[in-house]
Amino acid sequence: MTRVLRSLASTLAALLASLFSAWVLAATEPQPNLHTLHHPVPGGIAVIDLGPSTQTPQVRFQNKPVLVVKDASAQWLAIVGLALNVAEGQQTIVVKNSSSREIAFTVQDKKYKEQRLTIKNTRQVNPLPEDLKRINQEMTAQNQAYQTYSPITPSNIFFDKPVEGSLSSPFGLKRFFNGEPRAPHSGLDFAVPTGTPVKAPAEGKVILTGNYFFNGNTVFLDHGQGLISMYCHLSVIDVVVGETLSRGQTLGKVGATGRVTGAHLHWNVSLNDARIDPAILIGMFKP
């Protein structure tokens, strides 16, 4: 009996030592520098120093609430999403805590390439009148999802890739379907086979799912403070609205539903209702 107790005590001591070492490592490991997200271009992110404050600053850009977080030195930062159609030159954010003030920043130029695709189903290029009614309803629901603002702080702003695979279409491409101009590409496309699991890049709550005319099977996640991600063309949706996903949890599988030329994942990220380049969040942004 004594020998058994000694063995248990030894095992417990080793386990506690291992846990303590892991805690020390995590505590001393350098935290990501949020300033590396600063790419103030159309479709990019502006990281703006707000300074110290005992209150959480309330920040708005173009009358929309902005994500605010503390950096490693406990200084407040505004993480501002910049839409593709934002004007270049000086822009301002409005900051409110004990008083109200404006902070100016500069949006720089960025040129995006063109992409020309051939869609066999011409109805998905020039929808019929009955299709337009459905499309308008779907756009209303999706725009409401993009405008979701919950006060929680995102678990991580540096995202994981939702799938492992090569990029087939970068963000911001000026797109032409069957020779006709359409809206720029608002996300990243990963060329991966049907059935590939799609994982949440950060903790998030499922706020919308559906099968849409253009996007096919789609999932929207709310990560907090206006940081929203969307996953399109899925073959299978494995989650339901209201479910909270942990980082790395599977939300569905890659497919070829909606307007596609083949199986792939279209991944879209929005900040303060501005579609931004997800490549910034995974360290793959190209100036």
C-alpha atoms as a PDB file:
ATOM      1  CA  MET A   1       0.000   0.000   0.000  1.00  0.00           C
ATOM      2  CA  THR A   2       2.838   2.389   0.916  1.00  0.00           C
ATOM      3  CA  ARG A   3       4.575   1.606  -2.369  1.00  0.00           C
ATOM      4  CA  VAL A   4       1.354   2.438  -4.310  1.00  0.00           C
ATOM      5  CA  LEU A   5       0.932   5.737  -2.455  1.00  0.00           C
ATOM      6  CA  ARG A   6       4.538   6.692  -3.156  1.00  0.00           C
ATOM      7  CA  SER A   7       4.025   5.919  -6.845  1.00  0.00           C
ATOM      8  CA  LEU A   8       0.872   8.042  -6.969  1.00  0.00           C
ATOM      9  CA  ALA A   9       2.640  10.909  -5.172  1.00  0.00           C
ATOM     10  CA  SER A  10       5.547  10.725  -7.611  1.00  0.00           C
ATOM     11  CA  THR A  11       3.189  10.756 -10.621  1.00  0.00           C
ATOM     12  CA  LEU A  12       1.242  13.721  -9.208  1.00  0.00           C
ATOM     13  CA  ALA A  13       4.462  15.654  -8.524  1.00  0.00           C
ATOM     14  CA  ALA A  14       5.648  15.059 -12.120  1.00  0.00           C
ATOM     15  CA  LEU A  15       2.299  16.191 -13.488  1.00  0.00           C
ATOM     16  CA  LEU A  16       2.322  19.386 -11.402  1.00  0.00           C
ATOM     17  CA  ALA A  17       5.894  20.127 -12.480  1.00  0.00           C
ATOM     18  CA  SER A  18       4.921  19.667 -16.123  1.00  0.00           C
ATOM     19  CA  LEU A  19       1.903  21.967 -15.769  1.00  0.00           C
ATOM     20  CA  PHE A  20       4.009  24.598 -13.981  1.00  0.00           C
ATOM     21  CA  SER A  21       6.641  24.513 -16.734  1.00  0.00           C
ATOM     22  CA  ALA A  22       3.962  24.937 -19.394  1.00  0.00           C
ATOM     23  CA  TRP A  23       2.464  27.876 -17.466  1.00  0.00           C
ATOM     24  CA  VAL A  24       5.871  29.561 -17.121  1.00  0.00           C
ATOM     25  CA  LEU A  25       6.569  29.075 -20.827  1.00  0.00           C
ATOM     26  CA  ALA A  26       3.193  30.536 -21.789  1.00  0.00           C
ATOM     27  CA  ALA A  27       3.676  33.469 -19.441  1.00  0.00           C
ATOM     28  CA  THR A  28       7.139  34.301 -20.769  1.00  0.00           C
ATOM     29  CA  GLU A  29       6.437  33.618 -24.457  1.00  0.00           C
ATOM     30  CA  PRO A  30       6.416  36.915 -26.384  1.00  0.00           C
ATOM     31  CA  GLN A  31       2.928  38.053 -27.385  1.00  0.00           C
ATOM     32  CA  PRO A  32       2.217  38.928 -31.040  1.00  0.00           C
ATOM     33  CA  ASN A  33       2.749  42.592 -31.862  1.00  0.00           C
ATOM     34  CA  LEU A  34      -0.615  43.962 -32.941  1.00  0.00           C
ATOM     35  CA  HIS A  35       1.105  46.807 -34.797  1.00  0.00           C
ATOM     36  CA  THR A  36       2.169  44.279 -37.455  1.00  0.00           C
ATOM     37  CA  LEU A  37      -1.488  44.256 -38.548  1.00  0.00           C
ATOM     38  CA  HIS A  38      -1.100  47.893 -39.647  1.00  0.00           C
ATOM     39  CA  HIS A  39      -1.628  47.992 -43.412  1.00  0.00           C
ATOM     40  CA  PRO A  40      -3.676  51.172 -43.965  1.00  0.00           C
ATOM     41  CA  VAL A  41      -4.772  50.552 -47.555  1.00  0.00           C
ATOM     42  CA  PRO A  42      -8.200  49.954 -49.118  1.00  0.00           C
ATOM     43  CA  GLY A  43      -9.152  46.482 -47.899  1.00  0.00           C
ATOM     44  CA  GLY A  44      -6.583  46.687 -45.107  1.00  0.00           C
ATOM     45  CA  ILE A  45      -6.338  47.536 -41.407  1.00  0.00           C
ATOM     46  CA  ALA A  46      -5.228  50.674 -39.563  1.00  0.00           C
ATOM     47  CA  VAL A  47      -3.826  50.085 -36.070  1.00  0.00           C
ATOM     48  CA  ILE A  48      -4.086  53.358 -34.146  1.00  0.00           C
ATOM     49  CA  ASP A  49      -2.574  54.076 -30.715  1.00  0.00           C
ATOM     50  CA  LEU A  50      -5.129  55.462 -28.246  1.00  0.00           C
ATOM     51  CA  GLY A  51      -2.850  55.691 -25.208  1.00  0.00           C
ATOM     52  CA  PRO A  52      -3.585  54.578 -21.636  1.00  0.00           C
ATOM     53  CA  SER A  53      -7.020  54.939 -20.074  1.00  0.00           C
ATOM     54  CA  THR A  54      -8.813  53.563 -17.036  1.00  0.00           C
ATOM     55  CA  GLN A  55     -11.954  53.323 -19.172  1.00  0.00           C
ATOM     56  CA  THR A  56     -12.389  51.280 -22.331  1.00  0.00           C
ATOM     57  CA  PRO A  57     -12.325  53.826 -25.176  1.00  0.00           C
ATOM     58  CA  GLN A  58     -15.344  53.922 -27.466  1.00  0.00           C
ATOM     59  CA  VAL A  59     -14.169  54.345 -31.061  1.00  0.00           C
ATOM     60  CA  ARG A  60     -16.116  54.907 -34.269  1.00  0.00           C
ATOM     61  CA  PHE A  61     -15.024  55.084 -37.892  1.00  0.00           C
ATOM     62  CA  GLN A  62     -17.483  56.305 -40.500  1.00  0.00           C
ATOM     63  CA  ASN A  63     -20.115  56.085 -37.759  1.00  0.00           C
ATOM     64  CA  LYS A  64     -19.495  52.376 -37.086  1.00  0.00           C
ATOM     65  CA  PRO A  65     -18.092  50.910 -33.835  1.00  0.00           C
ATOM     66  CA  VAL A  66     -14.448  49.855 -33.975  1.00  0.00           C
ATOM     67  CA  LEU A  67     -12.586  46.988 -32.289  1.00  0.00           C
ATOM     68  CA  VAL A  68     -10.415  48.181 -29.364  1.00  0.00           C
ATOM     69  CA  VAL A  69      -7.918  46.043 -27.447  1.00  0.00           C
ATOM     70  CA  LYS A  70      -4.923  46.464 -25.151  1.00  0.00           C
ATOM     71  CA  ASP A  71      -1.439  45.711 -26.421  1.00  0.00           C
ATOM     72  CA  ALA A  72       1.326  44.008 -24.412  1.00  0.00           C
ATOM     73  CA  SER A  73       2.170  47.297 -22.663  1.00  0.00           C
ATOM     74  CA  ALA A  74      -1.471  47.882 -21.621  1.00  0.00           C
ATOM     75  CA  GLN A  75      -1.953  50.695 -24.154  1.00  0.00           C
ATOM     76  CA  TRP A  76      -5.285  50.828 -25.959  1.00  0.00           C
ATOM     77  CA  LEU A  77      -5.314  50.270 -29.712  1.00  0.00           C
ATOM     78  CA  ALA A  78      -8.044  50.776 -32.292  1.00  0.00           C
ATOM     79  CA  ILE A  79      -8.077  48.023 -34.954  1.00  0.00           C
ATOM     80  CA  VAL A  80      -9.882  49.696 -37.859  1.00  0.00           C
ATOM     81  CA  GLY A  81     -11.145  47.828 -40.918  1.00  0.00           C
ATOM     82  CA  LEU A  82     -10.848  49.741 -44.199  1.00  0.00           C
ATOM     83  CA  ALA A  83     -13.266  48.858 -46.997  1.00  0.00           C
ATOM     84  CA  LEU A  84     -12.079  48.485 -50.576  1.00  0.00           C
ATOM     85  CA  ASN A  85     -13.915  51.682 -51.513  1.00  0.00           C
ATOM     86  CA  VAL A  86     -12.428  53.815 -48.708  1.00  0.00           C
ATOM     87  CA  ALA A  87     -10.980  57.083 -49.989  1.00  0.00           C
ATOM     88  CA  GLU A  88      -7.209  57.396 -49.975  1.00  0.00           C
ATOM     89  CA  GLY A  89      -5.653  60.206 -47.966  1.00  0.00           C
ATOM     90  CA  GLN A  90      -6.550  61.473 -44.507  1.00  0.00           C
ATOM     91  CA  GLN A  91      -9.271  59.741 -42.505  1.00  0.00           C
ATOM     92  CA  THR A  92     -10.277  60.170 -38.865  1.00  0.00           C
ATOM     93  CA  ILE A  93     -11.631  58.080 -36.042  1.00  0.00           C
ATOM     94  CA  VAL A  94     -13.706  59.498 -33.167  1.00  0.00           C
ATOM     95  CA  VAL A  95     -12.595  58.418 -29.685  1.00  0.00           C
ATOM     96  CA  LYS A  96     -14.717  58.787 -26.560  1.00  0.00           C
ATOM     97  CA  ASN A  97     -13.751  58.000 -22.975  1.00  0.00           C
ATOM     98  CA  SER A  98     -13.718  60.832 -20.447  1.00  0.00           C
ATOM     99  CA  SER A  99     -13.954  63.267 -23.372  1.00  0.00           C
ATOM    100  CA  SER A 100     -14.294  63.165 -27.144  1.00  0.00           C
ATOM    101  CA  ARG A 101     -11.457  63.626 -29.627  1.00  0.00           C
ATOM    102  CA  GLU A 102     -10.503  62.833 -33.191  1.00  0.00           C
ATOM    103  CA  ILE A 103      -7.380  61.040 -34.391  1.00  0.00           C
ATOM    104  CA  ALA A 104      -6.291  61.354 -38.009  1.00  0.00           C
ATOM    105  CA  PHE A 105      -4.522  58.657 -40.020  1.00  0.00           C
ATOM    106  CA  THR A 106      -3.599  58.207 -43.670  1.00  0.00           C
ATOM    107  CA  VAL A 107      -4.960  55.604 -46.086  1.00  0.00           C
ATOM    108  CA  GLN A 108      -2.350  54.692 -48.676  1.00  0.00           C
ATOM    109  CA  ASP A 109      -2.788  53.542 -52.266  1.00  0.00           C
ATOM    110  CA  LYS A 110      -2.953  49.882 -53.279  1.00  0.00           C
ATOM    111  CA  LYS A 111      -3.576  48.461 -56.744  1.00  0.00           C
ATOM    112  CA  TYR A 112      -5.337  45.129 -57.156  1.00  0.00           C
ATOM    113  CA  LYS A 113      -5.084  42.819 -60.143  1.00  0.00           C
ATOM    114  CA  GLU A 114      -7.891  41.625 -62.420  1.00  0.00           C
ATOM    115  CA  GLN A 115      -9.351  38.142 -62.673  1.00  0.00           C
ATOM    116  CA  ARG A 116     -11.478  36.801 -65.526  1.00  0.00           C
ATOM    117  CA  LEU A 117     -13.589  33.703 -64.947  1.00  0.00           C
ATOM    118  CA  THR A 118     -15.916  31.680 -67.162  1.00  0.00           C
ATOM    119  CA  ILE A 119     -19.118  30.509 -65.457  1.00  0.00           C
ATOM    120  CA  LYS A 120     -20.976  27.708 -67.265  1.00  0.00           C
ATOM    121  CA  ASN A 121     -24.275  28.478 -65.532  1.00  0.00           C
ATOM    122  CA  THR A 122     -25.040  31.860 -67.136  1.00  0.00           C
ATOM    123  CA  ARG A 123     -27.962  32.301 -64.729  1.00  0.00           C
ATOM    124  CA  GLN A 124     -25.389  32.864 -61.968  1.00  0.00           C
ATOM    125  CA  VAL A 125     -23.895  35.720 -63.989  1.00  0.00           C
ATOM    126  CA  ASN A 126     -27.156  37.304 -65.123  1.00  0.00           C
ATOM    127  CA  PRO A 127     -29.833  36.112 -62.663  1.00  0.00           C
ATOM    128  CA  LEU A 128     -33.460  35.790 -63.697  1.00  0.00           C
ATOM    129  CA  PRO A 129     -36.083  38.137 -62.146  1.00  0.00           C
ATOM    130  CA  GLU A 130     -37.197  35.396 -59.739  1.00  0.00           C
ATOM    131  CA  ASP A 131     -33.568  34.902 -58.702  1.00  0.00           C
ATOM    132  CA  LEU A 132     -33.162  38.597 -57.889  1.00  0.00           C
ATOM    133  CA  LYS A 133     -35.889  38.467 -55.242  1.00  0.00           C
ATOM    134  CA  ARG A 134     -34.087  35.611 -53.510  1.00  0.00           C
ATOM    135  CA  ILE A 135     -30.697  37.330 -53.861  1.00  0.00           C
ATOM    136  CA  ASN A 136     -31.986  40.575 -52.313  1.00  0.00           C
ATOM    137  CA  GLN A 137     -33.441  38.703 -49.328  1.00  0.00           C
ATOM    138  CA  GLU A 138     -30.184  36.821 -48.842  1.00  0.00           C
ATOM    139  CA  MET A 139     -28.109  40.002 -49.064  1.00  0.00           C
ATOM    140  CA  THR A 140     -30.276  41.631 -46.384  1.00  0.00           C
ATOM    141  CA  ALA A 141     -29.680  38.719 -43.992  1.00  0.00           C
ATOM    142  CA  GLN A 142     -25.938  38.636 -44.713  1.00  0.00           C
ATOM    143  CA  ASN A 143     -25.523  42.405 -44.320  1.00  0.00           C
ATOM    144  CA  GLN A 144     -27.225  42.189 -40.934  1.00  0.00           C
ATOM    145  CA  ALA A 145     -24.729  39.488 -39.939  1.00  0.00           C
ATOM    146  CA  TYR A 146     -21.804  41.686 -40.995  1.00  0.00           C
ATOM    147  CA  GLN A 147     -23.193  44.528 -38.865  1.00  0.00           C
ATOM    148  CA  THR A 148     -23.342  42.380 -35.720  1.00  0.00           C
ATOM    149  CA  TYR A 149     -21.504  43.997 -32.823  1.00  0.00           C
ATOM    150  CA  SER A 150     -21.084  42.099 -29.552  1.00  0.00           C
ATOM    151  CA  PRO A 151     -19.005  43.644 -26.738  1.00  0.00           C
ATOM    152  CA  ILE A 152     -16.787  40.607 -26.122  1.00  0.00           C
ATOM    153  CA  THR A 153     -13.056  40.830 -26.887  1.00  0.00           C
ATOM    154  CA  PRO A 154     -11.891  38.374 -29.583  1.00  0.00           C
ATOM    155  CA  SER A 155      -9.953  35.400 -28.225  1.00  0.00           C
ATOM    156  CA  ASN A 156      -7.270  36.015 -30.854  1.00  0.00           C
ATOM    157  CA  ILE A 157      -6.926  38.557 -33.661  1.00  0.00           C
ATOM    158  CA  PHE A 158      -4.057  36.770 -35.357  1.00  0.00           C
ATOM    159  CA  PHE A 159      -6.099  34.015 -37.023  1.00  0.00           C
ATOM    160  CA  ASP A 160      -5.312  30.442 -37.974  1.00  0.00           C
ATOM    161  CA  LYS A 161      -5.926  29.415 -41.571  1.00  0.00           C
ATOM    162  CA  PRO A 162      -9.338  27.702 -41.802  1.00  0.00           C
ATOM    163  CA  VAL A 163      -7.889  25.092 -44.192  1.00  0.00           C
ATOM    164  CA  GLU A 164      -4.414  24.041 -45.255  1.00  0.00           C
ATOM    165  CA  GLY A 165      -4.025  24.511 -48.996  1.00  0.00           C
ATOM    166  CA  SER A 166      -2.829  26.791 -51.750  1.00  0.00           C
ATOM    167  CA  LEU A 167      -4.443  30.158 -52.470  1.00  0.00           C
ATOM    168  CA  SER A 168      -6.249  30.183 -55.798  1.00  0.00           C
ATOM    169  CA  SER A 169      -7.587  33.770 -55.661  1.00  0.00           C
ATOM    170  CA  PRO A 170      -6.269  36.594 -53.461  1.00  0.00           C
ATOM    171  CA  PHE A 171      -8.321  39.387 -51.961  1.00  0.00           C
ATOM    172  CA  GLY A 172      -9.324  42.493 -53.929  1.00  0.00           C
ATOM    173  CA  LEU A 173      -9.229  41.131 -57.466  1.00  0.00           C
ATOM    174  CA  LYS A 174     -11.297  43.141 -59.929  1.00  0.00           C
ATOM    175  CA  ARG A 175     -13.499  40.346 -61.241  1.00  0.00           C
ATOM    176  CA  PHE A 176     -15.049  39.694 -64.623  1.00  0.00           C
ATOM    177  CA  PHE A 177     -17.521  36.842 -65.064  1.00  0.00           C
ATOM    178  CA  ASN A 178     -17.972  35.824 -68.695  1.00  0.00           C
ATOM    179  CA  GLY A 179     -16.419  39.155 -69.639  1.00  0.00           C
ATOM    180  CA  GLU A 180     -18.782  41.247 -67.485  1.00  0.00           C
ATOM    181  CA  PRO A 181     -17.431  43.345 -64.565  1.00  0.00           C
ATOM    182  CA  ARG A 182     -18.619  42.391 -61.087  1.00  0.00           C
ATOM    183  CA  ALA A 183     -17.821  43.352 -57.485  1.00  0.00           C
ATOM    184  CA  PRO A 184     -14.162  42.885 -56.403  1.00  0.00           C
ATOM    185  CA  HIS A 185     -13.195  39.656 -54.686  1.00  0.00           C
ATOM    186  CA  SER A 186     -13.903  40.232 -50.996  1.00  0.00           C
ATOM    187  CA  GLY A 187     -12.029  37.279 -49.504  1.00  0.00           C
ATOM    188  CA  LEU A 188      -9.442  34.559 -50.034  1.00  0.00           C
ATOM    189  CA  ASP A 189     -10.042  31.393 -52.058  1.00  0.00           C
ATOM    190  CA  PHE A 190      -8.276  28.180 -51.024  1.00  0.00           C
ATOM    191  CA  ALA A 191      -8.103  25.458 -53.666  1.00  0.00           C
ATOM    192  CA  VAL A 192      -8.750  22.326 -51.608  1.00  0.00           C
ATOM    193  CA  PRO A 193     -10.800  19.192 -52.376  1.00  0.00           C
ATOM    194  CA  THR A 194     -14.445  18.647 -51.531  1.00  0.00           C
ATOM    195  CA  GLY A 195     -14.783  17.224 -48.025  1.00  0.00           C
ATOM    196  CA  THR A 196     -11.779  19.044 -46.539  1.00  0.00           C
ATOM    197  CA  PRO A 197     -12.693  20.088 -42.954  1.00  0.00           C
ATOM    198  CA  VAL A 198     -13.021  23.847 -42.408  1.00  0.00           C
ATOM    199  CA  LYS A 199     -11.898  25.005 -38.956  1.00  0.00           C
ATOM    200  CA  ALA A 200     -12.751  28.118 -36.944  1.00  0.00           C
ATOM    201  CA  PRO A 201      -9.645  30.382 -36.935  1.00  0.00           C
ATOM    202  CA  ALA A 202     -10.640  31.785 -33.528  1.00  0.00           C
ATOM    203  CA  GLU A 203     -13.347  31.241 -30.958  1.00  0.00           C
ATOM    204  CA  GLY A 204     -16.655  32.456 -32.356  1.00  0.00           C
ATOM    205  CA  LYS A 205     -20.416  32.227 -32.205  1.00  0.00           C
ATOM    206  CA  VAL A 206     -22.415  31.005 -35.192  1.00  0.00           C
ATOM    207  CA  ILE A 207     -24.748  33.878 -36.112  1.00  0.00           C
ATOM    208  CA  LEU A 208     -25.985  32.833 -39.570  1.00  0.00           C
ATOM    209  CA  THR A 209     -26.039  29.771 -41.797  1.00  0.00           C
ATOM    210  CA  GLY A 210     -27.803  29.128 -45.077  1.00  0.00           C
ATOM    211  CA  ASN A 211     -27.708  28.042 -48.676  1.00  0.00           C
ATOM    212  CA  TYR A 212     -27.362  31.138 -50.850  1.00  0.00           C
ATOM    213  CA  PHE A 213     -27.617  31.807 -54.581  1.00  0.00           C
ATOM    214  CA  PHE A 214     -24.042  33.005 -55.011  1.00  0.00           C
ATOM    215  CA  ASN A 215     -22.286  31.742 -51.853  1.00  0.00           C
ATOM    216  CA  GLY A 216     -23.801  28.263 -51.616  1.00  0.00           C
ATOM    217  CA  ASN A 217     -23.717  26.690 -48.154  1.00  0.00           C
ATOM    218  CA  THR A 218     -22.408  29.402 -45.843  1.00  0.00           C
ATOM    219  CA  VAL A 219     -21.489  29.954 -42.177  1.00  0.00           C
ATOM    220  CA  PHE A 220     -20.975  33.308 -40.400  1.00  0.00           C
ATOM    221  CA  LEU A 221     -19.018  33.530 -37.118  1.00  0.00           C
ATOM    222  CA  ASP A 222     -19.024  36.448 -34.665  1.00  0.00           C
ATOM    223  CA  HIS A 223     -15.632  36.747 -32.929  1.00  0.00           C
ATOM    224  CA  GLY A 224     -16.502  39.912 -30.981  1.00  0.00           C
ATOM    225  CA  GLN A 225     -16.508  43.695 -31.407  1.00  0.00           C
ATOM    226  CA  GLY A 226     -17.457  43.638 -35.083  1.00  0.00           C
ATOM    227  CA  LEU A 227     -14.905  41.006 -36.137  1.00  0.00           C
ATOM    228  CA  ILE A 228     -16.947  38.651 -38.351  1.00  0.00           C
ATOM    229  CA  SER A 229     -15.830  35.795 -40.595  1.00  0.00           C
ATOM    230  CA  MET A 230     -17.695  33.983 -43.373  1.00  0.00           C
ATOM    231  CA  TYR A 231     -17.102  30.586 -45.049  1.00  0.00           C
ATOM    232  CA  CYS A 232     -18.731  29.850 -48.434  1.00  0.00           C
ATOM    233  CA  HIS A 233     -19.370  27.071 -50.982  1.00  0.00           C
ATOM    234  CA  LEU A 234     -19.411  24.365 -48.293  1.00  0.00           C
ATOM    235  CA  SER A 235     -20.565  20.848 -49.122  1.00  0.00           C
ATOM    236  CA  VAL A 236     -21.670  20.299 -45.513  1.00  0.00           C
ATOM    237  CA  ILE A 237     -22.501  22.640 -42.622  1.00  0.00           C
ATOM    238  CA  ASP A 238     -21.688  21.009 -39.266  1.00  0.00           C
ATOM    239  CA  VAL A 239     -22.891  23.777 -36.903  1.00  0.00           C
ATOM    240  CA  VAL A 240     -26.122  25.544 -35.966  1.00  0.00           C
ATOM    241  CA  VAL A 241     -26.961  29.166 -35.209  1.00  0.00           C
ATOM    242  CA  GLY A 242     -26.252  30.037 -31.580  1.00  0.00           C
ATOM    243  CA  GLU A 243     -23.463  27.490 -31.186  1.00  0.00           C
ATOM    244  CA  THR A 244     -20.126  28.758 -29.821  1.00  0.00           C
ATOM    245  CA  LEU A 245     -17.099  27.210 -31.503  1.00  0.00           C
ATOM    246  CA  SER A 246     -13.669  26.854 -29.985  1.00  0.00           C
ATOM    247  CA  ARG A 247     -10.570  27.756 -31.962  1.00  0.00           C
ATOM    248  CA  GLY A 248      -9.837  24.921 -34.381  1.00  0.00           C
ATOM    249  CA  GLN A 249     -13.292  23.363 -34.188  1.00  0.00           C
ATOM    250  CA  THR A 250     -14.711  22.097 -37.501  1.00  0.00           C
ATOM    251  CA  LEU A 251     -17.640  24.151 -38.826  1.00  0.00           C
ATOM    252  CA  GLY A 252     -18.196  22.380 -42.140  1.00  0.00           C
ATOM    253  CA  LYS A 253     -16.529  20.853 -45.177  1.00  0.00           C
ATOM    254  CA  VAL A 254     -15.280  22.341 -48.422  1.00  0.00           C
ATOM    255  CA  GLY A 255     -17.545  21.992 -51.440  1.00  0.00           C
ATOM    256  CA  ALA A 256     -18.605  23.527 -54.757  1.00  0.00           C
ATOM    257  CA  THR A 257     -22.032  24.973 -53.955  1.00  0.00           C
ATOM    258  CA  GLY A 258     -23.200  28.355 -55.266  1.00  0.00           C
ATOM    259  CA  ARG A 259     -21.369  30.277 -58.001  1.00  0.00           C
ATOM    260  CA  VAL A 260     -18.091  28.409 -58.447  1.00  0.00           C
ATOM    261  CA  THR A 261     -15.784  27.044 -61.123  1.00  0.00           C
ATOM    262  CA  GLY A 262     -14.695  24.162 -58.879  1.00  0.00           C
ATOM    263  CA  ALA A 263     -14.350  23.024 -55.279  1.00  0.00           C
ATOM    264  CA  HIS A 264     -12.752  25.595 -52.994  1.00  0.00           C
ATOM    265  CA  LEU A 265     -13.251  27.566 -49.779  1.00  0.00           C
ATOM    266  CA  HIS A 266     -14.051  31.265 -50.005  1.00  0.00           C
ATOM    267  CA  TRP A 267     -13.083  32.877 -46.690  1.00  0.00           C
ATOM    268  CA  ASN A 268     -14.195  36.375 -45.895  1.00  0.00           C
ATOM    269  CA  VAL A 269     -13.366  38.592 -42.875  1.00  0.00           C
ATOM    270  CA  SER A 270     -15.113  41.817 -41.866  1.00  0.00           C
ATOM    271  CA  LEU A 271     -14.088  44.505 -39.360  1.00  0.00           C
ATOM    272  CA  ASN A 272     -16.504  47.320 -38.428  1.00  0.00           C
ATOM    273  CA  ASP A 273     -18.625  46.199 -41.416  1.00  0.00           C
ATOM    274  CA  ALA A 274     -15.691  46.594 -43.831  1.00  0.00           C
ATOM    275  CA  ARG A 275     -14.501  43.556 -45.778  1.00  0.00           C
ATOM    276  CA  ILE A 276     -10.744  43.259 -45.254  1.00  0.00           C
ATOM    277  CA  ASP A 277      -7.966  41.057 -46.597  1.00  0.00           C
ATOM    278  CA  PRO A 278      -7.850  37.929 -44.365  1.00  0.00           C
ATOM    279  CA  ALA A 279      -4.213  37.468 -45.420  1.00  0.00           C
ATOM    280  CA  ILE A 280      -3.302  40.234 -42.945  1.00  0.00           C
ATOM    281  CA  LEU A 281      -4.542  38.125 -40.037  1.00  0.00           C
ATOM    282  CA  ILE A 282      -2.592  34.994 -41.048  1.00  0.00           C
ATOM    283  CA  GLY A 283       0.702  36.714 -41.931  1.00  0.00           C
ATOM    284  CA  MET A 284       0.343  36.295 -45.719  1.00  0.00           C
ATOM    285  CA  PHE A 285      -0.390  39.896 -46.738  1.00  0.00           C
ATOM    286  CA  LYS A 286       1.441  41.214 -49.790  1.00  0.00           C
ATOM    287  CA  PRO A 287       1.791  45.014 -50.155  1.00  0.00           C
END
